[in-house]
Amino acid sequence: MARLLMRVYLALAVTACLWGLFRLYEHPLQSMKVTRDGVPYFTPPVIDPATGQTVSVETLVRHYKGETK
């Protein structure tokens, strides 16, 4: 009887974990799509017209927010 209960408990735990992973994959949280500054992940760099070098969008956002790092 104890072995059956342990198997049922294990099956429920595995099902709950898989269901949680499935839900997170299908409907990701908003914080998983953008940085804390609101810049989407995997944004391509932009070209600085003055120098012709590429600059990351994250760097531009921090610059215009007044942050130095």
PDB file of N, CA and C in Angstrom:
ATOM      1  N   MET A   1       0.827  -1.200   0.000  1.00  0.00           N
ATOM      2  CA  MET A   1       0.000   0.000   0.000  1.00  0.00           C
ATOM      3  C   MET A   1       0.869   1.262   0.000  1.00  0.00           C
ATOM      4  N   ALA A   2       1.938   1.243   0.782  1.00  0.00           N
ATOM      5  CA  ALA A   2       2.826   2.404   0.852  1.00  0.00           C
ATOM      6  C   ALA A   2       3.513   2.638  -0.498  1.00  0.00           C
ATOM      7  N   ARG A   3       3.873   1.571  -1.162  1.00  0.00           N
ATOM      8  CA  ARG A   3       4.537   1.691  -2.463  1.00  0.00           C
ATOM      9  C   ARG A   3       3.573   2.330  -3.483  1.00  0.00           C
ATOM     10  N   LEU A   4       2.306   1.951  -3.455  1.00  0.00           N
ATOM     11  CA  LEU A   4       1.310   2.533  -4.350  1.00  0.00           C
ATOM     12  C   LEU A   4       1.118   4.020  -4.075  1.00  0.00           C
ATOM     13  N   LEU A   5       1.028   4.389  -2.804  1.00  0.00           N
ATOM     14  CA  LEU A   5       0.869   5.802  -2.457  1.00  0.00           C
ATOM     15  C   LEU A   5       2.083   6.621  -2.895  1.00  0.00           C
ATOM     16  N   MET A   6       3.279   6.061  -2.752  1.00  0.00           N
ATOM     17  CA  MET A   6       4.480   6.765  -3.166  1.00  0.00           C
ATOM     18  C   MET A   6       4.496   6.959  -4.683  1.00  0.00           C
ATOM     19  N   ARG A   7       4.061   5.979  -5.420  1.00  0.00           N
ATOM     20  CA  ARG A   7       4.003   6.106  -6.879  1.00  0.00           C
ATOM     21  C   ARG A   7       2.967   7.142  -7.307  1.00  0.00           C
ATOM     22  N   VAL A   8       1.838   7.177  -6.637  1.00  0.00           N
ATOM     23  CA  VAL A   8       0.812   8.180  -6.949  1.00  0.00           C
ATOM     24  C   VAL A   8       1.353   9.574  -6.634  1.00  0.00           C
ATOM     25  N   TYR A   9       2.002   9.714  -5.478  1.00  0.00           N
ATOM     26  CA  TYR A   9       2.590  10.999  -5.093  1.00  0.00           C
ATOM     27  C   TYR A   9       3.641  11.441  -6.108  1.00  0.00           C
ATOM     28  N   LEU A  10       4.493  10.539  -6.535  1.00  0.00           N
ATOM     29  CA  LEU A  10       5.523  10.846  -7.514  1.00  0.00           C
ATOM     30  C   LEU A  10       4.907  11.238  -8.858  1.00  0.00           C
ATOM     31  N   ALA A  11       3.882  10.528  -9.269  1.00  0.00           N
ATOM     32  CA  ALA A  11       3.216  10.847 -10.530  1.00  0.00           C
ATOM     33  C   ALA A  11       2.579  12.236 -10.473  1.00  0.00           C
ATOM     34  N   LEU A  12       1.976  12.588  -9.351  1.00  0.00           N
ATOM     35  CA  LEU A  12       1.380  13.922  -9.200  1.00  0.00           C
ATOM     36  C   LEU A  12       2.451  15.013  -9.201  1.00  0.00           C
ATOM     37  N   ALA A  13       3.568  14.756  -8.543  1.00  0.00           N
ATOM     38  CA  ALA A  13       4.648  15.746  -8.496  1.00  0.00           C
ATOM     39  C   ALA A  13       5.245  15.970  -9.880  1.00  0.00           C
ATOM     40  N   VAL A  14       5.496  14.908 -10.611  1.00  0.00           N
ATOM     41  CA  VAL A  14       6.051  15.031 -11.960  1.00  0.00           C
ATOM     42  C   VAL A  14       5.062  15.731 -12.881  1.00  0.00           C
ATOM     43  N   THR A  15       3.790  15.399 -12.772  1.00  0.00           N
ATOM     44  CA  THR A  15       2.757  16.035 -13.593  1.00  0.00           C
ATOM     45  C   THR A  15       2.681  17.527 -13.296  1.00  0.00           C
ATOM     46  N   ALA A  16       2.737  17.900 -12.020  1.00  0.00           N
ATOM     47  CA  ALA A  16       2.684  19.318 -11.654  1.00  0.00           C
ATOM     48  C   ALA A  16       3.900  20.067 -12.194  1.00  0.00           C
ATOM     49  N   CYS A  17       5.070  19.474 -12.114  1.00  0.00           N
ATOM     50  CA  CYS A  17       6.281  20.121 -12.637  1.00  0.00           C
ATOM     51  C   CYS A  17       6.207  20.284 -14.154  1.00  0.00           C
ATOM     52  N   LEU A  18       5.810  19.257 -14.840  1.00  0.00           N
ATOM     53  CA  LEU A  18       5.700  19.338 -16.295  1.00  0.00           C
ATOM     54  C   LEU A  18       4.640  20.343 -16.725  1.00  0.00           C
ATOM     55  N   TRP A  19       3.523  20.379 -16.018  1.00  0.00           N
ATOM     56  CA  TRP A  19       2.470  21.335 -16.335  1.00  0.00           C
ATOM     57  C   TRP A  19       2.973  22.769 -16.130  1.00  0.00           C
ATOM     58  N   GLY A  20       3.710  23.012 -15.042  1.00  0.00           N
ATOM     59  CA  GLY A  20       4.267  24.343 -14.792  1.00  0.00           C
ATOM     60  C   GLY A  20       5.245  24.761 -15.875  1.00  0.00           C
ATOM     61  N   LEU A  21       6.119  23.854 -16.286  1.00  0.00           N
ATOM     62  CA  LEU A  21       7.071  24.164 -17.356  1.00  0.00           C
ATOM     63  C   LEU A  21       6.360  24.425 -18.679  1.00  0.00           C
ATOM     64  N   PHE A  22       5.334  23.649 -18.962  1.00  0.00           N
ATOM     65  CA  PHE A  22       4.558  23.842 -20.184  1.00  0.00           C
ATOM     66  C   PHE A  22       3.891  25.216 -20.186  1.00  0.00           C
ATOM     67  N   ARG A  23       3.265  25.589 -19.071  1.00  0.00           N
ATOM     68  CA  ARG A  23       2.585  26.886 -18.976  1.00  0.00           C
ATOM     69  C   ARG A  23       3.571  28.036 -19.123  1.00  0.00           C
ATOM     70  N   LEU A  24       4.751  27.902 -18.519  1.00  0.00           N
ATOM     71  CA  LEU A  24       5.758  28.945 -18.605  1.00  0.00           C
ATOM     72  C   LEU A  24       6.301  29.062 -20.030  1.00  0.00           C
ATOM     73  N   TYR A  25       6.399  27.960 -20.724  1.00  0.00           N
ATOM     74  CA  TYR A  25       6.868  27.976 -22.110  1.00  0.00           C
ATOM     75  C   TYR A  25       5.809  28.571 -23.044  1.00  0.00           C
ATOM     76  N   GLU A  26       4.567  28.204 -22.850  1.00  0.00           N
ATOM     77  CA  GLU A  26       3.495  28.677 -23.720  1.00  0.00           C
ATOM     78  C   GLU A  26       3.112  30.134 -23.455  1.00  0.00           C
ATOM     79  N   HIS A  27       3.155  30.555 -22.205  1.00  0.00           N
ATOM     80  CA  HIS A  27       2.760  31.916 -21.825  1.00  0.00           C
ATOM     81  C   HIS A  27       3.844  32.510 -20.933  1.00  0.00           C
ATOM     82  N   PRO A  28       4.966  32.944 -21.522  1.00  0.00           N
ATOM     83  CA  PRO A  28       6.053  33.472 -20.698  1.00  0.00           C
ATOM     84  C   PRO A  28       5.652  34.771 -19.998  1.00  0.00           C
ATOM     85  N   LEU A  29       6.256  35.008 -18.863  1.00  0.00           N
ATOM     86  CA  LEU A  29       5.995  36.229 -18.121  1.00  0.00           C
ATOM     87  C   LEU A  29       6.558  37.424 -18.876  1.00  0.00           C
ATOM     88  N   GLN A  30       5.976  38.594 -18.654  1.00  0.00           N
ATOM     89  CA  GLN A  30       6.438  39.794 -19.336  1.00  0.00           C
ATOM     90  C   GLN A  30       7.892  40.087 -18.982  1.00  0.00           C
ATOM     91  N   SER A  31       8.301  39.793 -17.760  1.00  0.00           N
ATOM     92  CA  SER A  31       9.679  40.063 -17.347  1.00  0.00           C
ATOM     93  C   SER A  31      10.682  39.156 -18.058  1.00  0.00           C
ATOM     94  N   MET A  32      10.209  38.084 -18.682  1.00  0.00           N
ATOM     95  CA  MET A  32      11.109  37.209 -19.432  1.00  0.00           C
ATOM     96  C   MET A  32      11.289  37.695 -20.868  1.00  0.00           C
ATOM     97  N   LYS A  33      10.529  38.700 -21.278  1.00  0.00           N
ATOM     98  CA  LYS A  33      10.595  39.199 -22.647  1.00  0.00           C
ATOM     99  C   LYS A  33      11.426  40.474 -22.765  1.00  0.00           C
ATOM    100  N   VAL A  34      11.483  41.279 -21.702  1.00  0.00           N
ATOM    101  CA  VAL A  34      12.182  42.559 -21.753  1.00  0.00           C
ATOM    102  C   VAL A  34      13.082  42.724 -20.537  1.00  0.00           C
ATOM    103  N   THR A  35      14.070  43.620 -20.651  1.00  0.00           N
ATOM    104  CA  THR A  35      14.932  43.933 -19.519  1.00  0.00           C
ATOM    105  C   THR A  35      14.182  44.849 -18.555  1.00  0.00           C
ATOM    106  N   ARG A  36      14.824  45.204 -17.468  1.00  0.00           N
ATOM    107  CA  ARG A  36      14.143  46.067 -16.494  1.00  0.00           C
ATOM    108  C   ARG A  36      13.932  47.471 -17.034  1.00  0.00           C
ATOM    109  N   ASP A  37      14.689  47.847 -18.071  1.00  0.00           N
ATOM    110  CA  ASP A  37      14.519  49.152 -18.697  1.00  0.00           C
ATOM    111  C   ASP A  37      13.498  49.123 -19.831  1.00  0.00           C
ATOM    112  N   GLY A  38      12.930  47.977 -20.125  1.00  0.00           N
ATOM    113  CA  GLY A  38      11.907  47.868 -21.159  1.00  0.00           C
ATOM    114  C   GLY A  38      12.441  47.553 -22.537  1.00  0.00           C
ATOM    115  N   VAL A  39      13.724  47.219 -22.641  1.00  0.00           N
ATOM    116  CA  VAL A  39      14.318  46.890 -23.937  1.00  0.00           C
ATOM    117  C   VAL A  39      14.118  45.395 -24.196  1.00  0.00           C
ATOM    118  N   PRO A  40      13.535  45.021 -25.325  1.00  0.00           N
ATOM    119  CA  PRO A  40      13.358  43.592 -25.611  1.00  0.00           C
ATOM    120  C   PRO A  40      14.704  42.882 -25.726  1.00  0.00           C
ATOM    121  N   TYR A  41      14.749  41.649 -25.234  1.00  0.00           N
ATOM    122  CA  TYR A  41      15.954  40.841 -25.389  1.00  0.00           C
ATOM    123  C   TYR A  41      16.182  40.570 -26.873  1.00  0.00           C
ATOM    124  N   PHE A  42      17.421  40.319 -27.244  1.00  0.00           N
ATOM    125  CA  PHE A  42      17.823  40.006 -28.619  1.00  0.00           C
ATOM    126  C   PHE A  42      17.525  41.148 -29.586  1.00  0.00           C
ATOM    127  N   THR A  43      17.617  42.391 -29.085  1.00  0.00           N
ATOM    128  CA  THR A  43      17.473  43.548 -29.952  1.00  0.00           C
ATOM    129  C   THR A  43      18.802  43.778 -30.660  1.00  0.00           C
ATOM    130  N   PRO A  44      18.804  43.937 -31.973  1.00  0.00           N
ATOM    131  CA  PRO A  44      20.077  44.147 -32.674  1.00  0.00           C
ATOM    132  C   PRO A  44      20.665  45.514 -32.329  1.00  0.00           C
ATOM    133  N   PRO A  45      21.965  45.636 -32.396  1.00  0.00           N
ATOM    134  CA  PRO A  45      22.579  46.940 -32.116  1.00  0.00           C
ATOM    135  C   PRO A  45      22.247  47.954 -33.210  1.00  0.00           C
ATOM    136  N   VAL A  46      22.364  49.234 -32.844  1.00  0.00           N
ATOM    137  CA  VAL A  46      22.086  50.311 -33.792  1.00  0.00           C
ATOM    138  C   VAL A  46      23.399  51.008 -34.153  1.00  0.00           C
ATOM    139  N   ILE A  47      23.404  51.710 -35.256  1.00  0.00           N
ATOM    140  CA  ILE A  47      24.618  52.389 -35.725  1.00  0.00           C
ATOM    141  C   ILE A  47      24.603  53.838 -35.248  1.00  0.00           C
ATOM    142  N   ASP A  48      25.697  54.246 -34.619  1.00  0.00           N
ATOM    143  CA  ASP A  48      25.871  55.630 -34.201  1.00  0.00           C
ATOM    144  C   ASP A  48      26.212  56.445 -35.448  1.00  0.00           C
ATOM    145  N   PRO A  49      25.391  57.447 -35.821  1.00  0.00           N
ATOM    146  CA  PRO A  49      25.652  58.187 -37.047  1.00  0.00           C
ATOM    147  C   PRO A  49      26.931  59.027 -36.983  1.00  0.00           C
ATOM    148  N   ALA A  50      27.362  59.414 -35.792  1.00  0.00           N
ATOM    149  CA  ALA A  50      28.552  60.256 -35.679  1.00  0.00           C
ATOM    150  C   ALA A  50      29.831  59.465 -35.920  1.00  0.00           C
ATOM    151  N   THR A  51      29.874  58.228 -35.366  1.00  0.00           N
ATOM    152  CA  THR A  51      31.107  57.451 -35.466  1.00  0.00           C
ATOM    153  C   THR A  51      31.001  56.288 -36.439  1.00  0.00           C
ATOM    154  N   GLY A  52      29.803  55.842 -36.742  1.00  0.00           N
ATOM    155  CA  GLY A  52      29.616  54.693 -37.616  1.00  0.00           C
ATOM    156  C   GLY A  52      29.785  53.367 -36.911  1.00  0.00           C
ATOM    157  N   GLN A  53      29.995  53.390 -35.588  1.00  0.00           N
ATOM    158  CA  GLN A  53      30.129  52.156 -34.818  1.00  0.00           C
ATOM    159  C   GLN A  53      28.767  51.725 -34.296  1.00  0.00           C
ATOM    160  N   THR A  54      28.664  50.426 -33.992  1.00  0.00           N
ATOM    161  CA  THR A  54      27.404  49.922 -33.455  1.00  0.00           C
ATOM    162  C   THR A  54      27.365  50.130 -31.946  1.00  0.00           C
ATOM    163  N   VAL A  55      26.181  50.416 -31.471  1.00  0.00           N
ATOM    164  CA  VAL A  55      25.929  50.645 -30.049  1.00  0.00           C
ATOM    165  C   VAL A  55      24.716  49.816 -29.661  1.00  0.00           C
ATOM    166  N   SER A  56      24.774  49.183 -28.494  1.00  0.00           N
ATOM    167  CA  SER A  56      23.612  48.399 -28.061  1.00  0.00           C
ATOM    168  C   SER A  56      22.492  49.336 -27.618  1.00  0.00           C
ATOM    169  N   VAL A  57      21.271  48.903 -27.803  1.00  0.00           N
ATOM    170  CA  VAL A  57      20.115  49.701 -27.431  1.00  0.00           C
ATOM    171  C   VAL A  57      20.083  49.887 -25.917  1.00  0.00           C
ATOM    172  N   GLU A  58      20.522  48.880 -25.180  1.00  0.00           N
ATOM    173  CA  GLU A  58      20.572  48.976 -23.717  1.00  0.00           C
ATOM    174  C   GLU A  58      21.482  50.128 -23.283  1.00  0.00           C
ATOM    175  N   THR A  59      22.613  50.311 -23.960  1.00  0.00           N
ATOM    176  CA  THR A  59      23.526  51.413 -23.656  1.00  0.00           C
ATOM    177  C   THR A  59      22.857  52.754 -23.931  1.00  0.00           C
ATOM    178  N   LEU A  60      22.115  52.851 -25.019  1.00  0.00           N
ATOM    179  CA  LEU A  60      21.407  54.087 -25.337  1.00  0.00           C
ATOM    180  C   LEU A  60      20.347  54.412 -24.293  1.00  0.00           C
ATOM    181  N   VAL A  61      19.625  53.419 -23.860  1.00  0.00           N
ATOM    182  CA  VAL A  61      18.590  53.637 -22.854  1.00  0.00           C
ATOM    183  C   VAL A  61      19.218  54.140 -21.559  1.00  0.00           C
ATOM    184  N   ARG A  62      20.314  53.497 -21.137  1.00  0.00           N
ATOM    185  CA  ARG A  62      20.981  53.942 -19.898  1.00  0.00           C
ATOM    186  C   ARG A  62      21.527  55.340 -20.070  1.00  0.00           C
ATOM    187  N   HIS A  63      22.042  55.685 -21.243  1.00  0.00           N
ATOM    188  CA  HIS A  63      22.578  57.025 -21.483  1.00  0.00           C
ATOM    189  C   HIS A  63      21.479  58.081 -21.341  1.00  0.00           C
ATOM    190  N   TYR A  64      20.338  57.842 -21.970  1.00  0.00           N
ATOM    191  CA  TYR A  64      19.272  58.823 -21.931  1.00  0.00           C
ATOM    192  C   TYR A  64      18.542  58.854 -20.592  1.00  0.00           C
ATOM    193  N   LYS A  65      18.680  57.800 -19.783  1.00  0.00           N
ATOM    194  CA  LYS A  65      18.130  57.832 -18.432  1.00  0.00           C
ATOM    195  C   LYS A  65      19.056  58.543 -17.461  1.00  0.00           C
ATOM    196  N   GLY A  66      20.318  58.764 -17.897  1.00  0.00           N
ATOM    197  CA  GLY A  66      21.274  59.454 -17.039  1.00  0.00           C
ATOM    198  C   GLY A  66      22.153  58.541 -16.231  1.00  0.00           C
ATOM    199  N   GLU A  67      22.105  57.263 -16.477  1.00  0.00           N
ATOM    200  CA  GLU A  67      22.959  56.319 -15.767  1.00  0.00           C
ATOM    201  C   GLU A  67      24.295  56.244 -16.485  1.00  0.00           C
ATOM    202  N   THR A  68      25.378  56.090 -15.716  1.00  0.00           N
ATOM    203  CA  THR A  68      26.705  56.071 -16.329  1.00  0.00           C
ATOM    204  C   THR A  68      27.182  54.674 -16.637  1.00  0.00           C
ATOM    205  N   LYS A  69      26.719  53.657 -15.927  1.00  0.00           N
ATOM    206  CA  LYS A  69      27.205  52.293 -16.153  1.00  0.00           C
ATOM    207  C   LYS A  69      26.386  51.592 -17.187  1.00  0.00           C
TER     208      LYS A  69
END
